[in-house]
Amino acid sequence: MFDADRLVVLDAERLTAVPHGTTRAYLRDIGLPDQLGSWFRLARGWDEGDVTIGGENFRRLSEWYPGRPYDMAHWLNIGGIGDDDIAVDVASGTVYALPENGPTPCVLNTDLQRFASFLHLLEVERLEYDGEAATAAGLDEYDPEGAAERLLAFMRGSDPLAPLDDPESVWCKVLRRVESGMAYQ
């Protein structure tokens, strides 16, 4: 999906507290992208193996949202997209978005593999929606609306949990930027 030298993997010793086998294997064997200019920014400290499951920030956050159907004590901050933080529930594998200005944390993807596949396809389509990148590659034309349509179709078909009907979800914000040719809205 991403260049191997741009993926940050964690050693097995740091992942002993991750009970979800698929999540543990993904973080150990494949890793998360740390690529300048991509949509996703890796959490600080990950490149040095500094990871904390739960922790004080998630404990405080769970107090703000009592009665939620998830347990933030099992969450691991993996990074962010835009102003939203992204966490994975290490007990279930579910990926959550923590909106900067939103009402509550919400499901973003079923698992890390689907999350990473969305990020990968965004990079595959970049020359179709990012005019600056297209120009740098020597292309005269690009198709942001077509790219947004293809991305949305892929996302809908590959992850039923992705919140693609909520205009405030991370993925909908990303798709609006794609469709606009990367113009800020």
C-alpha atoms as a PDB file:
ATOM      1  CA  MET A   1       0.000   0.000   0.000  1.00  0.00           C
ATOM      2  CA  PHE A   2       2.680   2.486   1.064  1.00  0.00           C
ATOM      3  CA  ASP A   3       6.428   2.292   0.572  1.00  0.00           C
ATOM      4  CA  ALA A   4       7.853  -0.080   3.177  1.00  0.00           C
ATOM      5  CA  ASP A   5      10.299   2.559   4.394  1.00  0.00           C
ATOM      6  CA  ARG A   6       7.319   4.849   5.136  1.00  0.00           C
ATOM      7  CA  LEU A   7       5.506   2.336   7.361  1.00  0.00           C
ATOM      8  CA  VAL A   8       6.034   2.340  11.109  1.00  0.00           C
ATOM      9  CA  VAL A   9       5.715  -1.083  12.699  1.00  0.00           C
ATOM     10  CA  LEU A  10       5.810  -1.868  16.379  1.00  0.00           C
ATOM     11  CA  ASP A  11       7.766  -4.735  17.866  1.00  0.00           C
ATOM     12  CA  ALA A  12       5.896  -7.629  19.452  1.00  0.00           C
ATOM     13  CA  GLU A  13       7.029  -6.622  22.940  1.00  0.00           C
ATOM     14  CA  ARG A  14       5.201  -3.273  22.711  1.00  0.00           C
ATOM     15  CA  LEU A  15       2.056  -5.025  21.497  1.00  0.00           C
ATOM     16  CA  THR A  16       1.585  -7.580  24.273  1.00  0.00           C
ATOM     17  CA  ALA A  17      -1.278  -5.481  25.713  1.00  0.00           C
ATOM     18  CA  VAL A  18      -3.193  -5.608  22.382  1.00  0.00           C
ATOM     19  CA  PRO A  19      -5.682  -8.485  22.766  1.00  0.00           C
ATOM     20  CA  HIS A  20      -7.196  -8.259  19.266  1.00  0.00           C
ATOM     21  CA  GLY A  21      -5.025 -10.595  17.203  1.00  0.00           C
ATOM     22  CA  THR A  22      -5.654  -9.029  13.796  1.00  0.00           C
ATOM     23  CA  THR A  23      -4.894  -5.537  15.121  1.00  0.00           C
ATOM     24  CA  ARG A  24      -1.754  -6.767  16.861  1.00  0.00           C
ATOM     25  CA  ALA A  25      -0.559  -8.516  13.679  1.00  0.00           C
ATOM     26  CA  TYR A  26      -1.310  -5.464  11.526  1.00  0.00           C
ATOM     27  CA  LEU A  27       0.661  -3.120  13.772  1.00  0.00           C
ATOM     28  CA  ARG A  28       3.547  -5.617  14.020  1.00  0.00           C
ATOM     29  CA  ASP A  29       3.753  -6.885  10.427  1.00  0.00           C
ATOM     30  CA  ILE A  30       2.390  -4.091   8.206  1.00  0.00           C
ATOM     31  CA  GLY A  31       2.358  -0.890  10.248  1.00  0.00           C
ATOM     32  CA  LEU A  32       0.922   2.565   9.761  1.00  0.00           C
ATOM     33  CA  PRO A  33       2.052   5.136   7.195  1.00  0.00           C
ATOM     34  CA  ASP A  34       4.300   8.015   8.158  1.00  0.00           C
ATOM     35  CA  GLN A  35       4.452   9.881   4.887  1.00  0.00           C
ATOM     36  CA  LEU A  36       4.816  13.625   4.594  1.00  0.00           C
ATOM     37  CA  GLY A  37       1.994  15.164   2.578  1.00  0.00           C
ATOM     38  CA  SER A  38      -0.469  12.313   3.034  1.00  0.00           C
ATOM     39  CA  TRP A  39      -3.877  12.661   4.652  1.00  0.00           C
ATOM     40  CA  PHE A  40      -2.894  10.752   7.784  1.00  0.00           C
ATOM     41  CA  ARG A  41      -0.412  11.998  10.351  1.00  0.00           C
ATOM     42  CA  LEU A  42       1.025   9.372  12.661  1.00  0.00           C
ATOM     43  CA  ALA A  43       0.728   9.981  16.401  1.00  0.00           C
ATOM     44  CA  ARG A  44       3.771  11.569  18.008  1.00  0.00           C
ATOM     45  CA  GLY A  45       6.215   9.090  19.447  1.00  0.00           C
ATOM     46  CA  TRP A  46       5.141   6.156  17.290  1.00  0.00           C
ATOM     47  CA  ASP A  47       8.320   6.244  15.268  1.00  0.00           C
ATOM     48  CA  GLU A  48      10.126   5.571  18.556  1.00  0.00           C
ATOM     49  CA  GLY A  49       7.674   2.923  19.738  1.00  0.00           C
ATOM     50  CA  ASP A  50       6.044   5.203  22.323  1.00  0.00           C
ATOM     51  CA  VAL A  51       2.489   3.871  22.505  1.00  0.00           C
ATOM     52  CA  THR A  52      -0.018   3.991  25.342  1.00  0.00           C
ATOM     53  CA  ILE A  53      -3.313   2.132  25.469  1.00  0.00           C
ATOM     54  CA  GLY A  54      -6.055   4.009  27.296  1.00  0.00           C
ATOM     55  CA  GLY A  55      -4.309   6.504  29.486  1.00  0.00           C
ATOM     56  CA  GLU A  56      -5.347   9.705  31.180  1.00  0.00           C
ATOM     57  CA  ASN A  57      -6.631  11.488  28.059  1.00  0.00           C
ATOM     58  CA  PHE A  58      -9.031   8.685  27.174  1.00  0.00           C
ATOM     59  CA  ARG A  59     -10.117   8.346  30.826  1.00  0.00           C
ATOM     60  CA  ARG A  60     -11.065  12.049  30.889  1.00  0.00           C
ATOM     61  CA  LEU A  61     -12.762  11.795  27.514  1.00  0.00           C
ATOM     62  CA  SER A  62     -14.844   8.833  28.664  1.00  0.00           C
ATOM     63  CA  GLU A  63     -16.095  10.960  31.591  1.00  0.00           C
ATOM     64  CA  TRP A  64     -17.393  13.527  29.081  1.00  0.00           C
ATOM     65  CA  TYR A  65     -19.312  10.817  27.227  1.00  0.00           C
ATOM     66  CA  PRO A  66     -20.789   8.464  29.848  1.00  0.00           C
ATOM     67  CA  GLY A  67     -22.965   5.589  28.721  1.00  0.00           C
ATOM     68  CA  ARG A  68     -21.255   5.166  25.352  1.00  0.00           C
ATOM     69  CA  PRO A  69     -21.247   1.633  23.872  1.00  0.00           C
ATOM     70  CA  TYR A  70     -17.430   1.497  23.763  1.00  0.00           C
ATOM     71  CA  ASP A  71     -14.703   1.374  26.387  1.00  0.00           C
ATOM     72  CA  MET A  72     -12.036   4.012  25.775  1.00  0.00           C
ATOM     73  CA  ALA A  73      -9.709   2.239  28.196  1.00  0.00           C
ATOM     74  CA  HIS A  74      -8.916  -0.031  25.220  1.00  0.00           C
ATOM     75  CA  TRP A  75      -8.193   2.785  22.786  1.00  0.00           C
ATOM     76  CA  LEU A  76      -4.816   3.503  21.250  1.00  0.00           C
ATOM     77  CA  ASN A  77      -4.244   6.886  19.604  1.00  0.00           C
ATOM     78  CA  ILE A  78      -2.718   6.165  16.195  1.00  0.00           C
ATOM     79  CA  GLY A  79      -2.698   9.680  14.733  1.00  0.00           C
ATOM     80  CA  GLY A  80      -5.079  11.981  12.954  1.00  0.00           C
ATOM     81  CA  ILE A  81      -6.664  13.260   9.783  1.00  0.00           C
ATOM     82  CA  GLY A  82      -7.173  16.997   9.634  1.00  0.00           C
ATOM     83  CA  ASP A  83      -8.193  18.212  13.071  1.00  0.00           C
ATOM     84  CA  ASP A  84      -9.635  14.848  14.129  1.00  0.00           C
ATOM     85  CA  ASP A  85      -7.690  12.297  16.161  1.00  0.00           C
ATOM     86  CA  ILE A  86      -7.898   8.648  15.161  1.00  0.00           C
ATOM     87  CA  ALA A  87      -7.819   5.749  17.637  1.00  0.00           C
ATOM     88  CA  VAL A  88      -8.099   1.990  17.360  1.00  0.00           C
ATOM     89  CA  ASP A  89      -9.907  -0.102  19.962  1.00  0.00           C
ATOM     90  CA  VAL A  90      -7.296  -2.777  20.677  1.00  0.00           C
ATOM     91  CA  ALA A  91      -9.955  -5.136  22.060  1.00  0.00           C
ATOM     92  CA  SER A  92     -12.220  -5.101  18.979  1.00  0.00           C
ATOM     93  CA  GLY A  93     -10.058  -3.662  16.189  1.00  0.00           C
ATOM     94  CA  THR A  94     -12.592  -0.936  15.387  1.00  0.00           C
ATOM     95  CA  VAL A  95     -11.138   2.427  14.305  1.00  0.00           C
ATOM     96  CA  TYR A  96     -12.698   5.586  15.786  1.00  0.00           C
ATOM     97  CA  ALA A  97     -12.521   9.280  14.949  1.00  0.00           C
ATOM     98  CA  LEU A  98     -12.455  11.810  17.746  1.00  0.00           C
ATOM     99  CA  PRO A  99     -13.765  15.001  16.148  1.00  0.00           C
ATOM    100  CA  GLU A 100     -12.004  18.177  17.189  1.00  0.00           C
ATOM    101  CA  ASN A 101     -15.278  20.104  17.266  1.00  0.00           C
ATOM    102  CA  GLY A 102     -17.739  17.267  16.967  1.00  0.00           C
ATOM    103  CA  PRO A 103     -20.309  15.889  19.335  1.00  0.00           C
ATOM    104  CA  THR A 104     -18.832  12.483  20.260  1.00  0.00           C
ATOM    105  CA  PRO A 105     -16.279   9.970  19.059  1.00  0.00           C
ATOM    106  CA  CYS A 106     -17.644   7.834  16.241  1.00  0.00           C
ATOM    107  CA  VAL A 107     -16.775   4.703  14.310  1.00  0.00           C
ATOM    108  CA  LEU A 108     -14.569   5.472  11.321  1.00  0.00           C
ATOM    109  CA  ASN A 109     -13.731   2.004   9.992  1.00  0.00           C
ATOM    110  CA  THR A 110     -14.304  -1.636  10.834  1.00  0.00           C
ATOM    111  CA  ASP A 111     -10.575  -2.275  11.269  1.00  0.00           C
ATOM    112  CA  LEU A 112      -7.068  -1.015  10.523  1.00  0.00           C
ATOM    113  CA  GLN A 113      -6.882  -2.852   7.211  1.00  0.00           C
ATOM    114  CA  ARG A 114      -9.927  -1.018   5.844  1.00  0.00           C
ATOM    115  CA  PHE A 115      -8.713   2.275   7.316  1.00  0.00           C
ATOM    116  CA  ALA A 116      -5.334   1.843   5.608  1.00  0.00           C
ATOM    117  CA  SER A 117      -6.968   0.804   2.326  1.00  0.00           C
ATOM    118  CA  PHE A 118      -8.913   4.089   2.316  1.00  0.00           C
ATOM    119  CA  LEU A 119      -5.664   6.002   2.914  1.00  0.00           C
ATOM    120  CA  HIS A 120      -3.932   4.033   0.175  1.00  0.00           C
ATOM    121  CA  LEU A 121      -6.628   4.708  -2.394  1.00  0.00           C
ATOM    122  CA  LEU A 122      -6.514   8.422  -1.544  1.00  0.00           C
ATOM    123  CA  GLU A 123      -2.841   8.368  -2.522  1.00  0.00           C
ATOM    124  CA  VAL A 124      -3.490   6.291  -5.671  1.00  0.00           C
ATOM    125  CA  GLU A 125      -6.087   8.864  -6.806  1.00  0.00           C
ATOM    126  CA  ARG A 126      -4.025  11.927  -5.781  1.00  0.00           C
ATOM    127  CA  LEU A 127      -3.031  12.914  -9.342  1.00  0.00           C
ATOM    128  CA  GLU A 128      -6.727  13.006 -10.225  1.00  0.00           C
ATOM    129  CA  TYR A 129      -7.769  15.459  -7.491  1.00  0.00           C
ATOM    130  CA  ASP A 130      -4.671  17.382  -6.450  1.00  0.00           C
ATOM    131  CA  GLY A 131      -3.928  19.952  -9.137  1.00  0.00           C
ATOM    132  CA  GLU A 132      -0.540  20.809  -7.671  1.00  0.00           C
ATOM    133  CA  ALA A 133       0.532  17.151  -7.684  1.00  0.00           C
ATOM    134  CA  ALA A 134      -0.858  16.657 -11.202  1.00  0.00           C
ATOM    135  CA  THR A 135       1.039  19.683 -12.495  1.00  0.00           C
ATOM    136  CA  ALA A 136       4.252  18.527 -10.811  1.00  0.00           C
ATOM    137  CA  ALA A 137       3.806  15.152 -12.543  1.00  0.00           C
ATOM    138  CA  GLY A 138       3.454  16.913 -15.907  1.00  0.00           C
ATOM    139  CA  LEU A 139      -0.274  16.289 -16.297  1.00  0.00           C
ATOM    140  CA  ASP A 140      -2.449  18.917 -17.952  1.00  0.00           C
ATOM    141  CA  GLU A 141      -5.768  17.585 -16.713  1.00  0.00           C
ATOM    142  CA  TYR A 142      -7.148  16.066 -13.578  1.00  0.00           C
ATOM    143  CA  ASP A 143     -10.617  14.963 -12.481  1.00  0.00           C
ATOM    144  CA  PRO A 144     -11.425  15.712  -8.828  1.00  0.00           C
ATOM    145  CA  GLU A 145     -15.140  14.956  -9.177  1.00  0.00           C
ATOM    146  CA  GLY A 146     -14.409  11.609 -10.801  1.00  0.00           C
ATOM    147  CA  ALA A 147     -11.850  10.813  -8.113  1.00  0.00           C
ATOM    148  CA  ALA A 148     -14.391  11.627  -5.376  1.00  0.00           C
ATOM    149  CA  GLU A 149     -16.981   9.374  -7.047  1.00  0.00           C
ATOM    150  CA  ARG A 150     -14.518   6.468  -7.335  1.00  0.00           C
ATOM    151  CA  LEU A 151     -13.351   6.897  -3.750  1.00  0.00           C
ATOM    152  CA  LEU A 152     -16.899   7.009  -2.417  1.00  0.00           C
ATOM    153  CA  ALA A 153     -17.884   3.881  -4.383  1.00  0.00           C
ATOM    154  CA  PHE A 154     -14.842   2.023  -3.062  1.00  0.00           C
ATOM    155  CA  MET A 155     -15.482   3.160   0.507  1.00  0.00           C
ATOM    156  CA  ARG A 156     -19.155   2.183   0.402  1.00  0.00           C
ATOM    157  CA  GLY A 157     -18.343  -1.201  -1.087  1.00  0.00           C
ATOM    158  CA  SER A 158     -15.519  -2.092   1.256  1.00  0.00           C
ATOM    159  CA  ASP A 159     -16.609  -0.972   4.720  1.00  0.00           C
ATOM    160  CA  PRO A 160     -20.248  -0.913   5.834  1.00  0.00           C
ATOM    161  CA  LEU A 161     -19.306   0.832   9.110  1.00  0.00           C
ATOM    162  CA  ALA A 162     -17.653   3.842   7.470  1.00  0.00           C
ATOM    163  CA  PRO A 163     -19.833   6.916   8.210  1.00  0.00           C
ATOM    164  CA  LEU A 164     -20.291   8.082   4.625  1.00  0.00           C
ATOM    165  CA  ASP A 165     -23.734   9.632   5.119  1.00  0.00           C
ATOM    166  CA  ASP A 166     -22.676  11.917   7.974  1.00  0.00           C
ATOM    167  CA  PRO A 167     -21.456  15.193   6.415  1.00  0.00           C
ATOM    168  CA  GLU A 168     -19.331  15.908   9.510  1.00  0.00           C
ATOM    169  CA  SER A 169     -17.493  12.582   9.441  1.00  0.00           C
ATOM    170  CA  VAL A 170     -13.788  12.548   8.649  1.00  0.00           C
ATOM    171  CA  TRP A 171     -14.300  10.656   5.395  1.00  0.00           C
ATOM    172  CA  CYS A 172     -17.011  13.042   4.172  1.00  0.00           C
ATOM    173  CA  LYS A 173     -14.762  16.020   4.911  1.00  0.00           C
ATOM    174  CA  VAL A 174     -11.933  14.341   2.995  1.00  0.00           C
ATOM    175  CA  LEU A 175     -14.221  13.563   0.047  1.00  0.00           C
ATOM    176  CA  ARG A 176     -15.381  17.200  -0.096  1.00  0.00           C
ATOM    177  CA  ARG A 177     -11.753  18.330  -0.286  1.00  0.00           C
ATOM    178  CA  VAL A 178     -11.068  15.758  -3.009  1.00  0.00           C
ATOM    179  CA  GLU A 179     -14.118  16.815  -5.029  1.00  0.00           C
ATOM    180  CA  SER A 180     -13.116  20.482  -4.770  1.00  0.00           C
ATOM    181  CA  GLY A 181      -9.621  19.767  -6.069  1.00  0.00           C
ATOM    182  CA  MET A 182      -8.132  20.274  -2.585  1.00  0.00           C
ATOM    183  CA  ALA A 183      -9.675  23.721  -2.070  1.00  0.00           C
ATOM    184  CA  TYR A 184     -10.314  24.579   1.568  1.00  0.00           C
ATOM    185  CA  GLN A 185     -13.991  24.991   2.320  1.00  0.00           C
END
